[in-house]
């Protein structure tokens, strides 16, 4: 369902389209009650009680590095929509200097820590889902609402996020940043976000996508089978990257808040795997959009649930 300038979605008046993609269409709009600009994502997912419940759980997140979800609602067609903070900024891109990359990483980690503490998993962390405001503030977008629609975890090779069916269910995410357990269609927990954080940090430092093949199948094969080549990353961050990118989630960094403990630590003395603790199995996720108009790759930022310890 598409809207034109001047039309209304509930109390929100459409100003202009921002973009569209597999998870829905995004518009800049004005909240006519409060007089502020917002971003509205008209979702391809049906609105139901779980959609609303999970969305409102995410809306409770209040963190300077998380794009805030203000509201959820239903259209006459039955589709859900989400009302989010409207952000002026640019998508995150590498390469960048080590000190700049770590400054960005600390903000992303802080946002993930806030969400993980509340049982919320992003599931589609990637450069296209992170915006940099003019003052340097990082905003993490699109904690996806796929789980709210009964989808366990959309699968694409590049940035746009779509939902596709598999024999075992549904997968939501972007192949190049997807943890192995997520690529297999299993439930995921916060350790899938930690994997994506490692992939993202490497890309910020090197300007190179860590897992990149000619097609989707090739990218997934790299994620599942190949050990990542970290030789082009600064020595100081290699232990951290290696710990984030353990293919077995039981051996991966357990908490994103601990990432700085591994900076500059020799690989041989990296922090051992934490005792086996089952991460919370319940999560939800918001969907966000920015004010950066650059097509589906930057706009279709939907995150797309909790992981088995058995790999």
C-alpha atoms as a PDB file:
ATOM      1  CA  UNK A   1       0.000   0.000   0.000  1.00  0.00           C
ATOM      2  CA  UNK A   2       1.466   3.329  -1.064  1.00  0.00           C
ATOM      3  CA  UNK A   3       0.731   6.861   0.097  1.00  0.00           C
ATOM      4  CA  UNK A   4       1.081  10.298  -1.469  1.00  0.00           C
ATOM      5  CA  UNK A   5       2.000  13.615   0.099  1.00  0.00           C
ATOM      6  CA  UNK A   6      -0.875  14.966   2.172  1.00  0.00           C
ATOM      7  CA  UNK A   7      -2.461  11.597   2.907  1.00  0.00           C
ATOM      8  CA  UNK A   8      -2.784  10.436   6.484  1.00  0.00           C
ATOM      9  CA  UNK A   9      -1.787   7.334   8.356  1.00  0.00           C
ATOM     10  CA  UNK A  10      -3.684   7.741  11.574  1.00  0.00           C
ATOM     11  CA  UNK A  11      -2.702  11.138  13.011  1.00  0.00           C
ATOM     12  CA  UNK A  12       0.415  11.277  10.820  1.00  0.00           C
ATOM     13  CA  UNK A  13       0.407  13.312   7.598  1.00  0.00           C
ATOM     14  CA  UNK A  14       2.659  12.030   4.815  1.00  0.00           C
ATOM     15  CA  UNK A  15       5.257  14.541   3.597  1.00  0.00           C
ATOM     16  CA  UNK A  16       7.298  12.491   1.126  1.00  0.00           C
ATOM     17  CA  UNK A  17       8.500   8.950   0.447  1.00  0.00           C
ATOM     18  CA  UNK A  18      11.940   7.994   1.724  1.00  0.00           C
ATOM     19  CA  UNK A  19      12.250   4.611   0.068  1.00  0.00           C
ATOM     20  CA  UNK A  20      11.007   1.051  -0.087  1.00  0.00           C
ATOM     21  CA  UNK A  21      12.234  -2.495   0.179  1.00  0.00           C
ATOM     22  CA  UNK A  22      11.316  -6.019   1.105  1.00  0.00           C
ATOM     23  CA  UNK A  23      10.001  -5.145   4.560  1.00  0.00           C
ATOM     24  CA  UNK A  24       7.783  -2.250   3.482  1.00  0.00           C
ATOM     25  CA  UNK A  25       7.733   1.381   2.425  1.00  0.00           C
ATOM     26  CA  UNK A  26       9.125   4.275   4.429  1.00  0.00           C
ATOM     27  CA  UNK A  27       7.814   7.824   4.490  1.00  0.00           C
ATOM     28  CA  UNK A  28       8.696  11.109   6.095  1.00  0.00           C
ATOM     29  CA  UNK A  29       5.605  12.387   7.879  1.00  0.00           C
ATOM     30  CA  UNK A  30       4.486  14.902  10.464  1.00  0.00           C
ATOM     31  CA  UNK A  31       2.826  14.063  13.727  1.00  0.00           C
ATOM     32  CA  UNK A  32      -0.067  16.517  13.533  1.00  0.00           C
ATOM     33  CA  UNK A  33      -0.601  16.352  17.287  1.00  0.00           C
ATOM     34  CA  UNK A  34       2.940  17.187  18.367  1.00  0.00           C
ATOM     35  CA  UNK A  35       4.132  19.033  15.286  1.00  0.00           C
ATOM     36  CA  UNK A  36       7.274  16.941  14.833  1.00  0.00           C
ATOM     37  CA  UNK A  37       8.676  15.060  11.868  1.00  0.00           C
ATOM     38  CA  UNK A  38       8.669  11.274  12.082  1.00  0.00           C
ATOM     39  CA  UNK A  39       9.495   8.329   9.845  1.00  0.00           C
ATOM     40  CA  UNK A  40       6.720   5.834   9.151  1.00  0.00           C
ATOM     41  CA  UNK A  41       7.377   2.337   7.907  1.00  0.00           C
ATOM     42  CA  UNK A  42       4.333   0.675   6.410  1.00  0.00           C
ATOM     43  CA  UNK A  43       5.183  -2.943   7.015  1.00  0.00           C
ATOM     44  CA  UNK A  44       4.497  -5.950   4.810  1.00  0.00           C
ATOM     45  CA  UNK A  45       3.728  -7.796   8.059  1.00  0.00           C
ATOM     46  CA  UNK A  46       0.183  -8.091   9.320  1.00  0.00           C
ATOM     47  CA  UNK A  47      -0.728  -6.219  12.458  1.00  0.00           C
ATOM     48  CA  UNK A  48      -1.725  -8.497  15.299  1.00  0.00           C
ATOM     49  CA  UNK A  49      -1.581  -8.605  19.072  1.00  0.00           C
ATOM     50  CA  UNK A  50       1.966  -9.921  19.084  1.00  0.00           C
ATOM     51  CA  UNK A  51       3.119  -7.246  16.612  1.00  0.00           C
ATOM     52  CA  UNK A  52       1.761  -4.601  18.950  1.00  0.00           C
ATOM     53  CA  UNK A  53       3.131  -6.214  22.110  1.00  0.00           C
ATOM     54  CA  UNK A  54       6.627  -6.674  20.734  1.00  0.00           C
ATOM     55  CA  UNK A  55       6.624  -3.206  19.205  1.00  0.00           C
ATOM     56  CA  UNK A  56       5.676  -1.544  22.445  1.00  0.00           C
ATOM     57  CA  UNK A  57       8.378  -3.466  24.281  1.00  0.00           C
ATOM     58  CA  UNK A  58      10.946  -2.022  21.895  1.00  0.00           C
ATOM     59  CA  UNK A  59       9.435   1.456  22.157  1.00  0.00           C
ATOM     60  CA  UNK A  60      10.400   1.346  25.829  1.00  0.00           C
ATOM     61  CA  UNK A  61      14.080   1.467  24.806  1.00  0.00           C
ATOM     62  CA  UNK A  62      15.461   4.907  25.565  1.00  0.00           C
ATOM     63  CA  UNK A  63      19.083   5.268  24.543  1.00  0.00           C
ATOM     64  CA  UNK A  64      20.939   8.063  22.720  1.00  0.00           C
ATOM     65  CA  UNK A  65      22.324   5.620  20.142  1.00  0.00           C
ATOM     66  CA  UNK A  66      19.041   3.855  19.311  1.00  0.00           C
ATOM     67  CA  UNK A  67      16.533   5.233  16.846  1.00  0.00           C
ATOM     68  CA  UNK A  68      13.410   5.420  18.960  1.00  0.00           C
ATOM     69  CA  UNK A  69      10.179   3.688  18.066  1.00  0.00           C
ATOM     70  CA  UNK A  70       7.273   5.974  18.975  1.00  0.00           C
ATOM     71  CA  UNK A  71       4.170   4.087  17.982  1.00  0.00           C
ATOM     72  CA  UNK A  72       2.674   1.108  16.140  1.00  0.00           C
ATOM     73  CA  UNK A  73      -0.697   0.804  14.495  1.00  0.00           C
ATOM     74  CA  UNK A  74      -2.847  -0.968  11.922  1.00  0.00           C
ATOM     75  CA  UNK A  75      -4.042   0.135   8.498  1.00  0.00           C
ATOM     76  CA  UNK A  76      -7.510  -0.732   7.174  1.00  0.00           C
ATOM     77  CA  UNK A  77      -5.784  -3.330   4.962  1.00  0.00           C
ATOM     78  CA  UNK A  78      -4.572  -5.145   8.077  1.00  0.00           C
ATOM     79  CA  UNK A  79      -0.902  -4.260   7.592  1.00  0.00           C
ATOM     80  CA  UNK A  80       1.030  -2.852  10.507  1.00  0.00           C
ATOM     81  CA  UNK A  81       2.886   0.419  10.551  1.00  0.00           C
ATOM     82  CA  UNK A  82       5.613   1.753  12.790  1.00  0.00           C
ATOM     83  CA  UNK A  83       6.313   5.362  13.689  1.00  0.00           C
ATOM     84  CA  UNK A  84       9.943   6.175  14.397  1.00  0.00           C
ATOM     85  CA  UNK A  85      12.331   8.971  15.127  1.00  0.00           C
ATOM     86  CA  UNK A  86      13.241  10.841  11.945  1.00  0.00           C
ATOM     87  CA  UNK A  87      17.018  11.054  11.632  1.00  0.00           C
ATOM     88  CA  UNK A  88      19.032  13.389   9.453  1.00  0.00           C
ATOM     89  CA  UNK A  89      22.372  11.795   8.720  1.00  0.00           C
ATOM     90  CA  UNK A  90      24.503   9.570   6.533  1.00  0.00           C
ATOM     91  CA  UNK A  91      24.900   5.793   6.507  1.00  0.00           C
ATOM     92  CA  UNK A  92      27.970   4.395   8.204  1.00  0.00           C
ATOM     93  CA  UNK A  93      30.862   3.593   5.869  1.00  0.00           C
ATOM     94  CA  UNK A  94      34.484   2.481   6.153  1.00  0.00           C
ATOM     95  CA  UNK A  95      37.391   2.479   6.002  1.00  0.00           C
ATOM     96  CA  UNK A  96      38.288   4.738   8.888  1.00  0.00           C
ATOM     97  CA  UNK A  97      41.132   5.222  11.317  1.00  0.00           C
ATOM     98  CA  UNK A  98      41.348   2.898  14.290  1.00  0.00           C
ATOM     99  CA  UNK A  99      40.471   5.575  16.825  1.00  0.00           C
ATOM    100  CA  UNK A 100      37.445   6.669  14.780  1.00  0.00           C
ATOM    101  CA  UNK A 101      36.272   3.091  14.265  1.00  0.00           C
ATOM    102  CA  UNK A 102      36.517   2.388  17.988  1.00  0.00           C
ATOM    103  CA  UNK A 103      34.606   5.560  18.792  1.00  0.00           C
ATOM    104  CA  UNK A 104      31.820   4.328  16.537  1.00  0.00           C
ATOM    105  CA  UNK A 105      32.064   0.778  17.911  1.00  0.00           C
ATOM    106  CA  UNK A 106      31.637   1.976  21.488  1.00  0.00           C
ATOM    107  CA  UNK A 107      28.381   3.709  20.587  1.00  0.00           C
ATOM    108  CA  UNK A 108      27.066   0.675  18.707  1.00  0.00           C
ATOM    109  CA  UNK A 109      28.050  -1.602  21.582  1.00  0.00           C
ATOM    110  CA  UNK A 110      26.308   0.674  24.065  1.00  0.00           C
ATOM    111  CA  UNK A 111      23.111   0.539  22.012  1.00  0.00           C
ATOM    112  CA  UNK A 112      23.269  -3.255  21.753  1.00  0.00           C
ATOM    113  CA  UNK A 113      23.960  -3.592  25.468  1.00  0.00           C
ATOM    114  CA  UNK A 114      20.843  -1.575  26.271  1.00  0.00           C
ATOM    115  CA  UNK A 115      18.719  -3.727  23.986  1.00  0.00           C
ATOM    116  CA  UNK A 116      20.218  -7.044  25.110  1.00  0.00           C
ATOM    117  CA  UNK A 117      19.637  -6.206  28.759  1.00  0.00           C
ATOM    118  CA  UNK A 118      15.939  -5.934  27.908  1.00  0.00           C
ATOM    119  CA  UNK A 119      15.909  -9.163  25.912  1.00  0.00           C
ATOM    120  CA  UNK A 120      15.785  -7.444  22.520  1.00  0.00           C
ATOM    121  CA  UNK A 121      17.943  -8.665  19.651  1.00  0.00           C
ATOM    122  CA  UNK A 122      18.662  -6.688  16.489  1.00  0.00           C
ATOM    123  CA  UNK A 123      19.271  -9.613  14.077  1.00  0.00           C
ATOM    124  CA  UNK A 124      20.262  -7.434  11.102  1.00  0.00           C
ATOM    125  CA  UNK A 125      23.159  -5.257  12.250  1.00  0.00           C
ATOM    126  CA  UNK A 126      25.045  -3.858   9.246  1.00  0.00           C
ATOM    127  CA  UNK A 127      26.361  -0.498   7.968  1.00  0.00           C
ATOM    128  CA  UNK A 128      23.075   0.263   6.204  1.00  0.00           C
ATOM    129  CA  UNK A 129      21.251   0.065   9.537  1.00  0.00           C
ATOM    130  CA  UNK A 130      23.477   2.608  11.251  1.00  0.00           C
ATOM    131  CA  UNK A 131      23.326   6.343  10.711  1.00  0.00           C
ATOM    132  CA  UNK A 132      25.883   9.007  11.590  1.00  0.00           C
ATOM    133  CA  UNK A 133      24.426  12.368  12.529  1.00  0.00           C
ATOM    134  CA  UNK A 134      26.202  15.614  11.785  1.00  0.00           C
ATOM    135  CA  UNK A 135      27.522  15.819  15.352  1.00  0.00           C
ATOM    136  CA  UNK A 136      29.041  12.342  15.125  1.00  0.00           C
ATOM    137  CA  UNK A 137      26.325  10.601  17.130  1.00  0.00           C
ATOM    138  CA  UNK A 138      25.632   7.068  15.984  1.00  0.00           C
ATOM    139  CA  UNK A 139      22.043   5.864  15.653  1.00  0.00           C
ATOM    140  CA  UNK A 140      21.299   2.154  15.343  1.00  0.00           C
ATOM    141  CA  UNK A 141      18.186   1.570  13.265  1.00  0.00           C
ATOM    142  CA  UNK A 142      15.802  -1.254  12.600  1.00  0.00           C
ATOM    143  CA  UNK A 143      15.514  -3.595  15.491  1.00  0.00           C
ATOM    144  CA  UNK A 144      13.182  -5.674  13.274  1.00  0.00           C
ATOM    145  CA  UNK A 145       9.675  -6.705  14.158  1.00  0.00           C
ATOM    146  CA  UNK A 146       9.874 -10.014  12.269  1.00  0.00           C
ATOM    147  CA  UNK A 147       9.359 -12.057  15.424  1.00  0.00           C
ATOM    148  CA  UNK A 148       6.218 -10.124  16.183  1.00  0.00           C
ATOM    149  CA  UNK A 149       4.699 -11.564  13.022  1.00  0.00           C
ATOM    150  CA  UNK A 150       5.625 -15.098  13.981  1.00  0.00           C
ATOM    151  CA  UNK A 151       8.768 -15.141  11.824  1.00  0.00           C
ATOM    152  CA  UNK A 152      11.674 -16.789  13.571  1.00  0.00           C
ATOM    153  CA  UNK A 153      14.481 -15.094  11.965  1.00  0.00           C
ATOM    154  CA  UNK A 154      14.575 -12.543   5.356  1.00  0.00           C
ATOM    155  CA  UNK A 155      17.630 -13.413   3.703  1.00  0.00           C
ATOM    156  CA  UNK A 156      19.484 -11.409   1.103  1.00  0.00           C
ATOM    157  CA  UNK A 157      23.005 -11.215  -0.202  1.00  0.00           C
ATOM    158  CA  UNK A 158      23.376  -7.462   0.099  1.00  0.00           C
ATOM    159  CA  UNK A 159      21.819  -4.705   2.151  1.00  0.00           C
ATOM    160  CA  UNK A 160      18.066  -4.821   1.501  1.00  0.00           C
ATOM    161  CA  UNK A 161      16.355  -7.151   3.933  1.00  0.00           C
ATOM    162  CA  UNK A 162      13.575  -9.445   2.752  1.00  0.00           C
ATOM    163  CA  UNK A 163      11.617 -12.368   4.106  1.00  0.00           C
ATOM    164  CA  UNK A 164      11.935 -15.712   2.338  1.00  0.00           C
ATOM    165  CA  UNK A 165      10.669 -19.145   3.202  1.00  0.00           C
ATOM    166  CA  UNK A 166      12.921 -22.117   3.859  1.00  0.00           C
ATOM    167  CA  UNK A 167      12.107 -25.722   4.603  1.00  0.00           C
ATOM    168  CA  UNK A 168      12.529 -25.076   8.316  1.00  0.00           C
ATOM    169  CA  UNK A 169      10.726 -21.733   8.477  1.00  0.00           C
ATOM    170  CA  UNK A 170      11.719 -18.161   7.782  1.00  0.00           C
ATOM    171  CA  UNK A 171      15.036 -16.328   7.851  1.00  0.00           C
ATOM    172  CA  UNK A 172      15.460 -12.601   8.267  1.00  0.00           C
ATOM    173  CA  UNK A 173      18.757 -10.844   7.820  1.00  0.00           C
ATOM    174  CA  UNK A 174      21.571 -10.004   5.432  1.00  0.00           C
ATOM    175  CA  UNK A 175      23.819 -12.884   4.454  1.00  0.00           C
ATOM    176  CA  UNK A 176      27.172 -11.108   4.717  1.00  0.00           C
ATOM    177  CA  UNK A 177      26.530 -10.122   8.353  1.00  0.00           C
ATOM    178  CA  UNK A 178      24.586 -13.174   9.463  1.00  0.00           C
ATOM    179  CA  UNK A 179      25.902 -15.486  12.180  1.00  0.00           C
ATOM    180  CA  UNK A 180      26.247 -19.162  11.171  1.00  0.00           C
ATOM    181  CA  UNK A 181      23.397 -20.302  13.384  1.00  0.00           C
ATOM    182  CA  UNK A 182      21.185 -17.595  11.903  1.00  0.00           C
ATOM    183  CA  UNK A 183      22.148 -18.596   8.359  1.00  0.00           C
ATOM    184  CA  UNK A 184      21.030 -22.137   9.183  1.00  0.00           C
ATOM    185  CA  UNK A 185      17.590 -20.830  10.114  1.00  0.00           C
ATOM    186  CA  UNK A 186      17.944 -21.575  13.804  1.00  0.00           C
ATOM    187  CA  UNK A 187      16.676 -19.415  16.604  1.00  0.00           C
ATOM    188  CA  UNK A 188      19.238 -16.826  17.633  1.00  0.00           C
ATOM    189  CA  UNK A 189      20.132 -14.912  20.761  1.00  0.00           C
ATOM    190  CA  UNK A 190      22.294 -11.870  21.453  1.00  0.00           C
ATOM    191  CA  UNK A 191      25.407 -13.691  20.269  1.00  0.00           C
ATOM    192  CA  UNK A 192      24.182 -13.311  16.672  1.00  0.00           C
ATOM    193  CA  UNK A 193      24.399  -9.535  17.171  1.00  0.00           C
ATOM    194  CA  UNK A 194      27.926  -9.955  18.565  1.00  0.00           C
ATOM    195  CA  UNK A 195      28.949 -11.846  15.419  1.00  0.00           C
ATOM    196  CA  UNK A 196      27.524  -9.051  13.247  1.00  0.00           C
ATOM    197  CA  UNK A 197      29.314  -6.474  15.414  1.00  0.00           C
ATOM    198  CA  UNK A 198      32.614  -8.213  14.609  1.00  0.00           C
ATOM    199  CA  UNK A 199      31.883  -8.274  10.877  1.00  0.00           C
ATOM    200  CA  UNK A 200      30.865  -4.626  10.989  1.00  0.00           C
ATOM    201  CA  UNK A 201      33.920  -3.492  12.952  1.00  0.00           C
ATOM    202  CA  UNK A 202      36.247  -5.269  10.506  1.00  0.00           C
ATOM    203  CA  UNK A 203      34.530  -3.511   7.603  1.00  0.00           C
ATOM    204  CA  UNK A 204      34.833  -0.121   9.308  1.00  0.00           C
ATOM    205  CA  UNK A 205      38.559  -0.660   9.754  1.00  0.00           C
ATOM    206  CA  UNK A 206      39.368  -2.104   6.344  1.00  0.00           C
ATOM    207  CA  UNK A 207      36.630  -0.979   3.997  1.00  0.00           C
ATOM    208  CA  UNK A 208      36.320  -4.640   2.966  1.00  0.00           C
ATOM    209  CA  UNK A 209      33.319  -6.873   3.427  1.00  0.00           C
ATOM    210  CA  UNK A 210      34.548  -9.898   5.337  1.00  0.00           C
ATOM    211  CA  UNK A 211      32.184 -12.395   3.733  1.00  0.00           C
ATOM    212  CA  UNK A 212      31.595 -11.596   0.081  1.00  0.00           C
ATOM    213  CA  UNK A 213      31.073 -13.986  -2.817  1.00  0.00           C
ATOM    214  CA  UNK A 214      29.553 -13.758  -6.272  1.00  0.00           C
ATOM    215  CA  UNK A 215      26.111 -14.804  -5.098  1.00  0.00           C
ATOM    216  CA  UNK A 216      24.007 -15.494  -2.042  1.00  0.00           C
ATOM    217  CA  UNK A 217      24.854 -19.178  -1.880  1.00  0.00           C
ATOM    218  CA  UNK A 218      28.563 -18.426  -1.994  1.00  0.00           C
ATOM    219  CA  UNK A 219      28.313 -15.839   0.755  1.00  0.00           C
ATOM    220  CA  UNK A 220      26.401 -18.231   2.992  1.00  0.00           C
ATOM    221  CA  UNK A 221      28.977 -20.936   2.347  1.00  0.00           C
ATOM    222  CA  UNK A 222      31.742 -18.568   3.466  1.00  0.00           C
ATOM    223  CA  UNK A 223      29.836 -17.687   6.631  1.00  0.00           C
ATOM    224  CA  UNK A 224      29.219 -21.329   7.474  1.00  0.00           C
ATOM    225  CA  UNK A 225      32.540 -22.921   6.527  1.00  0.00           C
ATOM    226  CA  UNK A 226      35.426 -20.492   6.034  1.00  0.00           C
ATOM    227  CA  UNK A 227      37.525 -18.963   8.767  1.00  0.00           C
ATOM    228  CA  UNK A 228      37.602 -15.195   8.246  1.00  0.00           C
ATOM    229  CA  UNK A 229      40.870 -13.603   7.176  1.00  0.00           C
ATOM    230  CA  UNK A 230      41.609 -10.902   9.751  1.00  0.00           C
ATOM    231  CA  UNK A 231      45.167 -10.188   8.605  1.00  0.00           C
ATOM    232  CA  UNK A 232      44.278  -6.764   7.207  1.00  0.00           C
ATOM    233  CA  UNK A 233      42.836  -5.559  10.529  1.00  0.00           C
ATOM    234  CA  UNK A 234      45.036  -3.705  13.064  1.00  0.00           C
ATOM    235  CA  UNK A 235      46.776  -6.062  15.494  1.00  0.00           C
ATOM    236  CA  UNK A 236      45.122  -4.353  18.451  1.00  0.00           C
ATOM    237  CA  UNK A 237      41.640  -5.467  17.431  1.00  0.00           C
ATOM    238  CA  UNK A 238      42.318  -8.959  16.056  1.00  0.00           C
ATOM    239  CA  UNK A 239      41.687 -10.761  19.379  1.00  0.00           C
ATOM    240  CA  UNK A 240      38.356  -8.971  19.664  1.00  0.00           C
ATOM    241  CA  UNK A 241      37.388  -9.770  16.092  1.00  0.00           C
ATOM    242  CA  UNK A 242      38.377 -13.400  16.501  1.00  0.00           C
ATOM    243  CA  UNK A 243      36.273 -13.738  19.652  1.00  0.00           C
ATOM    244  CA  UNK A 244      33.245 -12.093  18.041  1.00  0.00           C
ATOM    245  CA  UNK A 245      33.577 -14.317  14.982  1.00  0.00           C
ATOM    246  CA  UNK A 246      33.680 -17.726  16.614  1.00  0.00           C
ATOM    247  CA  UNK A 247      31.408 -19.897  14.494  1.00  0.00           C
ATOM    248  CA  UNK A 248      30.212 -21.823  17.524  1.00  0.00           C
ATOM    249  CA  UNK A 249      28.149 -19.345  19.587  1.00  0.00           C
ATOM    250  CA  UNK A 250      29.195 -21.172  22.770  1.00  0.00           C
ATOM    251  CA  UNK A 251      32.747 -19.920  22.205  1.00  0.00           C
ATOM    252  CA  UNK A 252      31.810 -16.420  21.109  1.00  0.00           C
ATOM    253  CA  UNK A 253      32.059 -13.296  23.238  1.00  0.00           C
ATOM    254  CA  UNK A 254      29.080 -13.614  25.540  1.00  0.00           C
ATOM    255  CA  UNK A 255      28.316  -9.973  26.343  1.00  0.00           C
ATOM    256  CA  UNK A 256      28.891  -6.999  24.077  1.00  0.00           C
ATOM    257  CA  UNK A 257      29.736  -4.896  27.147  1.00  0.00           C
ATOM    258  CA  UNK A 258      32.964  -6.918  27.488  1.00  0.00           C
ATOM    259  CA  UNK A 259      34.351  -6.089  24.044  1.00  0.00           C
ATOM    260  CA  UNK A 260      36.932  -3.555  25.227  1.00  0.00           C
ATOM    261  CA  UNK A 261      38.526  -6.169  27.478  1.00  0.00           C
ATOM    262  CA  UNK A 262      39.908  -7.818  24.331  1.00  0.00           C
ATOM    263  CA  UNK A 263      41.365  -4.726  22.688  1.00  0.00           C
ATOM    264  CA  UNK A 264      45.106  -5.014  22.435  1.00  0.00           C
ATOM    265  CA  UNK A 265      45.129  -8.413  24.142  1.00  0.00           C
ATOM    266  CA  UNK A 266      47.449 -10.989  22.532  1.00  0.00           C
ATOM    267  CA  UNK A 267      45.409 -13.663  20.794  1.00  0.00           C
ATOM    268  CA  UNK A 268      46.945 -16.411  22.911  1.00  0.00           C
ATOM    269  CA  UNK A 269      45.679 -14.788  26.105  1.00  0.00           C
ATOM    270  CA  UNK A 270      42.230 -13.782  24.911  1.00  0.00           C
ATOM    271  CA  UNK A 271      39.452 -14.181  27.431  1.00  0.00           C
ATOM    272  CA  UNK A 272      38.296 -17.818  27.457  1.00  0.00           C
ATOM    273  CA  UNK A 273      34.746 -18.787  26.655  1.00  0.00           C
ATOM    274  CA  UNK A 274      32.340 -17.889  29.425  1.00  0.00           C
ATOM    275  CA  UNK A 275      30.637 -20.668  31.376  1.00  0.00           C
ATOM    276  CA  UNK A 276      27.745 -22.084  29.461  1.00  0.00           C
ATOM    277  CA  UNK A 277      24.811 -19.878  30.301  1.00  0.00           C
ATOM    278  CA  UNK A 278      21.635 -20.074  28.319  1.00  0.00           C
ATOM    279  CA  UNK A 279      20.771 -16.642  26.993  1.00  0.00           C
ATOM    280  CA  UNK A 280      17.216 -15.446  27.334  1.00  0.00           C
ATOM    281  CA  UNK A 281      14.987 -16.990  24.733  1.00  0.00           C
ATOM    282  CA  UNK A 282      12.482 -14.208  24.449  1.00  0.00           C
ATOM    283  CA  UNK A 283      13.203 -11.154  22.388  1.00  0.00           C
ATOM    284  CA  UNK A 284      11.549  -8.531  20.300  1.00  0.00           C
ATOM    285  CA  UNK A 285      12.770  -5.946  17.890  1.00  0.00           C
ATOM    286  CA  UNK A 286      11.777  -2.535  16.465  1.00  0.00           C
ATOM    287  CA  UNK A 287      12.036  -1.329  12.900  1.00  0.00           C
ATOM    288  CA  UNK A 288      13.426   2.125  12.122  1.00  0.00           C
ATOM    289  CA  UNK A 289      14.095   4.384   9.171  1.00  0.00           C
ATOM    290  CA  UNK A 290      16.261   7.401   8.615  1.00  0.00           C
ATOM    291  CA  UNK A 291      15.949  10.615   6.734  1.00  0.00           C
ATOM    292  CA  UNK A 292      18.749   9.639   4.335  1.00  0.00           C
ATOM    293  CA  UNK A 293      17.232   9.160   0.908  1.00  0.00           C
ATOM    294  CA  UNK A 294      19.406   6.776  -1.078  1.00  0.00           C
ATOM    295  CA  UNK A 295      17.181   3.948  -2.241  1.00  0.00           C
ATOM    296  CA  UNK A 296      16.302   0.564  -0.876  1.00  0.00           C
ATOM    297  CA  UNK A 297      19.845  -0.333   0.190  1.00  0.00           C
ATOM    298  CA  UNK A 298      19.901   2.382   2.836  1.00  0.00           C
ATOM    299  CA  UNK A 299      16.198   2.609   3.568  1.00  0.00           C
ATOM    300  CA  UNK A 300      14.948  -0.958   3.867  1.00  0.00           C
ATOM    301  CA  UNK A 301      16.474  -1.315   7.276  1.00  0.00           C
ATOM    302  CA  UNK A 302      14.383  -3.976   8.895  1.00  0.00           C
ATOM    303  CA  UNK A 303      15.924  -6.206  11.448  1.00  0.00           C
ATOM    304  CA  UNK A 304      15.014  -9.212  11.244  1.00  0.00           C
ATOM    305  CA  UNK A 305      15.242 -14.662  17.246  1.00  0.00           C
ATOM    306  CA  UNK A 306      16.937 -16.507  20.144  1.00  0.00           C
ATOM    307  CA  UNK A 307      19.913 -19.080  19.536  1.00  0.00           C
ATOM    308  CA  UNK A 308      20.425 -22.615  20.349  1.00  0.00           C
ATOM    309  CA  UNK A 309      23.655 -23.314  22.112  1.00  0.00           C
ATOM    310  CA  UNK A 310      23.990 -26.397  19.935  1.00  0.00           C
ATOM    311  CA  UNK A 311      25.661 -25.538  16.672  1.00  0.00           C
END
